[in-house]
Amino acid sequence: MAKGLPLKKIKTDADFKTAAETFCTKGKTTADIIASEEKALISLYGGRAGATLDMLRYKRFWEKVTSSITTVQVRSLPPTSAAAKYHSLRVYLQVQDWIDTTCDLQPEMWGWQLSSGRLDPCTTDLPPAPELLLEMILCICKSDCRSKRCTCRKHGFECSLTCEECKGIGCLNSPSPEPLAVCDD
């Protein structure tokens, strides 16, 4: 999403402005931040008051499935509430640090995880899709899974043990040795 839309919304939408101002207010709880982020994102993606981010994502997905002749690009959908939660916490920490350089918030409480002596962003606390669906997506590549011909790559997944040839080992679409941090609550 381009930055123009949020800048326009902050001038024209009082609810969006209130949600955005939460990030500039010291002493907010994680629950306050998560709720404000969800309201802001629902507004940015054209959802109605009272909707949830996951409901809006589902609705947008089906709108795209029923009106498109190509595969749905997941990046065009609103984020899941689980992904938005950690993003909002990291944003709050960053804004508070910009406002007050003596900010004493602990990164591990605000969307980051300490791993091997470095901070990695927590991306979600949920799998990317239901396990049954993940088991159904596999590739039959005879090469290194480099191109979008690879079914896994095309759908935004890494190759796995279910893949017919590569088995998710040694191809260019294999999981990295240090996956992104998935946080437990």
Protein backbone atom coordinates (compact mmCIF):
# COMPACT_ATOMS: atom_id res chain seq x y z
CA MET A 1 0.00 0.00 0.00
CA ALA A 2 1.37 3.39 -0.97
CA LYS A 3 1.77 6.07 1.70
CA GLY A 4 -0.57 8.47 -0.12
CA LEU A 5 -3.74 6.72 1.02
CA PRO A 6 -2.96 6.86 4.77
CA LEU A 7 -1.94 10.52 4.46
CA LYS A 8 -5.22 11.30 2.71
CA LYS A 9 -7.25 9.26 5.22
CA ILE A 10 -5.71 10.99 8.22
CA LYS A 11 -7.08 14.30 6.89
CA THR A 12 -10.55 13.03 5.96
CA ASP A 13 -11.40 10.19 8.37
CA ALA A 14 -11.67 11.06 12.08
CA ASP A 15 -11.72 7.41 13.19
CA PHE A 16 -8.58 6.65 11.20
CA LYS A 17 -6.88 9.72 12.65
CA THR A 18 -7.78 8.65 16.20
CA ALA A 19 -6.40 5.15 15.55
CA ALA A 20 -3.19 6.60 14.10
CA GLU A 21 -2.72 8.98 17.04
CA THR A 22 -2.65 5.97 19.37
CA PHE A 23 0.83 5.16 18.05
CA CYS A 24 2.10 8.58 19.16
CA THR A 25 0.72 8.26 22.69
CA LYS A 26 3.08 7.05 25.39
CA GLY A 27 2.00 4.27 27.75
CA LYS A 28 -0.47 2.43 25.53
CA THR A 29 -1.04 -1.27 26.17
CA THR A 30 -0.48 -3.95 23.56
CA ALA A 31 -4.26 -4.45 23.44
CA ASP A 32 -4.77 -0.72 22.68
CA ILE A 33 -2.22 -0.85 19.87
CA ILE A 34 -3.59 -4.04 18.31
CA ALA A 35 -7.17 -2.70 18.37
CA SER A 36 -6.13 0.64 16.85
CA GLU A 37 -4.11 -1.04 14.09
CA GLU A 38 -7.03 -3.28 13.17
CA LYS A 39 -9.40 -0.28 12.93
CA ALA A 40 -6.87 1.65 10.85
CA LEU A 41 -6.26 -1.23 8.44
CA ILE A 42 -9.97 -1.95 8.03
CA SER A 43 -10.45 1.71 7.14
CA LEU A 44 -7.51 1.69 4.68
CA TYR A 45 -8.84 -1.41 2.92
CA GLY A 46 -12.35 0.04 2.65
CA GLY A 47 -14.01 -2.15 5.26
CA ARG A 48 -17.01 -1.14 7.30
CA ALA A 49 -17.08 -0.31 11.00
CA GLY A 50 -17.58 -3.47 13.03
CA ALA A 51 -15.81 -5.71 10.53
CA THR A 52 -12.72 -7.65 11.51
CA LEU A 53 -9.53 -7.77 9.50
CA ASP A 54 -9.90 -11.52 8.94
CA MET A 55 -13.49 -11.09 7.72
CA LEU A 56 -12.36 -8.34 5.34
CA ARG A 57 -9.47 -10.47 4.08
CA TYR A 58 -11.83 -13.40 3.43
CA LYS A 59 -14.32 -11.14 1.64
CA ARG A 60 -11.60 -9.60 -0.56
CA PHE A 61 -10.21 -13.06 -1.35
CA TRP A 62 -13.59 -14.32 -2.59
CA GLU A 63 -14.20 -11.12 -4.56
CA LYS A 64 -10.89 -11.71 -6.35
CA VAL A 65 -11.48 -15.45 -6.84
CA THR A 66 -14.88 -14.90 -8.41
CA SER A 67 -13.84 -12.01 -10.65
CA SER A 68 -10.33 -12.95 -11.74
CA ILE A 69 -9.03 -15.28 -14.41
CA THR A 70 -5.57 -15.49 -12.83
CA THR A 71 -4.41 -16.66 -9.43
CA VAL A 72 -5.09 -14.36 -6.50
CA GLN A 73 -1.99 -12.46 -5.43
CA VAL A 74 -1.95 -12.83 -1.65
CA ARG A 75 -0.02 -9.57 -1.28
CA SER A 76 -3.07 -7.72 -2.67
CA LEU A 77 -5.19 -8.84 0.31
CA PRO A 78 -5.35 -7.18 3.71
CA PRO A 79 -2.99 -8.81 6.22
CA THR A 80 -4.27 -11.43 8.65
CA SER A 81 -5.05 -10.18 12.13
CA ALA A 82 -2.14 -12.29 13.44
CA ALA A 83 0.36 -10.62 11.07
CA ALA A 84 -1.11 -7.16 11.69
CA LYS A 85 -0.82 -7.68 15.45
CA TYR A 86 2.96 -8.07 15.36
CA HIS A 87 3.39 -5.35 12.75
CA SER A 88 1.45 -2.88 14.89
CA LEU A 89 3.52 -3.68 17.96
CA ARG A 90 6.77 -3.11 16.04
CA VAL A 91 5.42 0.17 14.62
CA TYR A 92 4.46 1.39 18.10
CA LEU A 93 7.93 0.57 19.44
CA GLN A 94 9.58 2.41 16.53
CA VAL A 95 7.37 5.50 16.85
CA GLN A 96 7.94 5.64 20.61
CA ASP A 97 11.70 5.39 20.03
CA TRP A 98 11.55 8.26 17.51
CA ILE A 99 9.53 10.42 19.90
CA ASP A 100 11.61 9.62 22.98
CA THR A 101 15.10 8.25 22.44
CA THR A 102 15.20 7.21 26.10
CA CYS A 103 12.26 4.89 25.44
CA ASP A 104 12.60 1.90 27.76
CA LEU A 105 10.16 -0.49 26.06
CA GLN A 106 11.49 -4.03 25.72
CA PRO A 107 11.55 -5.11 22.05
CA GLU A 108 10.61 -8.68 22.99
CA MET A 109 7.26 -7.36 24.28
CA TRP A 110 6.65 -5.36 21.11
CA GLY A 111 6.81 -7.76 18.15
CA TRP A 112 10.46 -8.82 18.25
CA GLN A 113 12.16 -12.05 19.27
CA LEU A 114 15.75 -12.41 20.41
CA SER A 115 17.40 -15.15 18.35
CA SER A 116 21.13 -15.92 18.27
CA GLY A 117 21.94 -12.55 19.79
CA ARG A 118 19.91 -10.50 17.31
CA LEU A 119 16.36 -9.22 17.15
CA ASP A 120 14.16 -10.82 14.51
CA PRO A 121 10.63 -9.63 13.75
CA CYS A 122 7.80 -11.90 14.85
CA THR A 123 5.71 -12.26 11.73
CA THR A 124 2.72 -14.21 13.01
CA ASP A 125 1.66 -16.77 15.56
CA LEU A 126 -0.31 -18.77 12.99
CA PRO A 127 0.74 -21.02 10.10
CA PRO A 128 0.47 -19.43 6.61
CA ALA A 129 -2.54 -21.62 5.79
CA PRO A 130 -4.44 -24.55 7.29
CA GLU A 131 -2.23 -27.66 7.45
CA LEU A 132 -4.50 -29.58 5.07
CA LEU A 133 -4.08 -26.89 2.40
CA LEU A 134 -0.32 -26.72 2.91
CA GLU A 135 -0.10 -30.47 2.33
CA MET A 136 -1.97 -30.12 -0.98
CA ILE A 137 0.42 -27.59 -2.52
CA LEU A 138 3.49 -29.23 -3.99
CA CYS A 139 5.65 -28.94 -7.05
CA ILE A 140 6.88 -31.44 -9.60
CA CYS A 141 9.85 -29.38 -10.79
CA LYS A 142 12.65 -31.26 -12.52
CA SER A 143 15.04 -28.32 -12.01
CA ASP A 144 15.98 -26.05 -9.09
CA CYS A 145 12.54 -24.41 -8.48
CA ARG A 146 13.98 -21.05 -9.55
CA SER A 147 11.09 -19.79 -11.69
CA LYS A 148 7.39 -19.08 -11.21
CA ARG A 149 6.74 -22.40 -12.95
CA CYS A 150 7.35 -23.94 -9.54
CA THR A 151 3.86 -24.35 -8.07
CA CYS A 152 5.11 -23.69 -4.56
CA ARG A 153 6.94 -20.49 -5.54
CA LYS A 154 3.98 -19.35 -7.66
CA HIS A 155 1.70 -19.55 -4.60
CA GLY A 156 4.21 -17.92 -2.26
CA PHE A 157 5.20 -21.09 -0.38
CA GLU A 158 8.58 -22.68 0.14
CA CYS A 159 9.07 -26.20 -1.19
CA SER A 160 8.47 -28.95 1.36
CA LEU A 161 8.80 -32.67 1.89
CA THR A 162 5.59 -33.20 -0.09
CA CYS A 163 7.21 -31.93 -3.31
CA GLU A 164 7.66 -34.76 -5.79
CA GLU A 165 11.26 -34.17 -6.92
CA CYS A 166 13.09 -31.69 -4.66
CA LYS A 167 11.46 -32.72 -1.36
CA GLY A 168 12.14 -29.15 -0.19
CA ILE A 169 15.84 -29.87 0.15
CA GLY A 170 18.54 -28.15 -1.86
CA CYS A 171 16.36 -26.31 -4.36
CA LEU A 172 16.32 -22.51 -4.61
CA ASN A 173 12.87 -22.39 -3.01
CA SER A 174 13.80 -24.44 0.07
CA PRO A 175 13.27 -23.14 3.58
CA SER A 176 16.20 -21.11 4.84
CA PRO A 177 18.19 -22.47 7.77
CA GLU A 178 16.93 -19.64 10.00
CA PRO A 179 13.20 -19.15 9.29
CA LEU A 180 11.43 -15.92 10.23
CA ALA A 181 10.44 -15.88 13.84
CA VAL A 182 6.95 -17.16 14.59
CA CYS A 183 6.05 -16.07 18.07
CA ASP A 184 4.06 -17.93 20.67
CA ASP A 185 1.70 -16.01 22.89
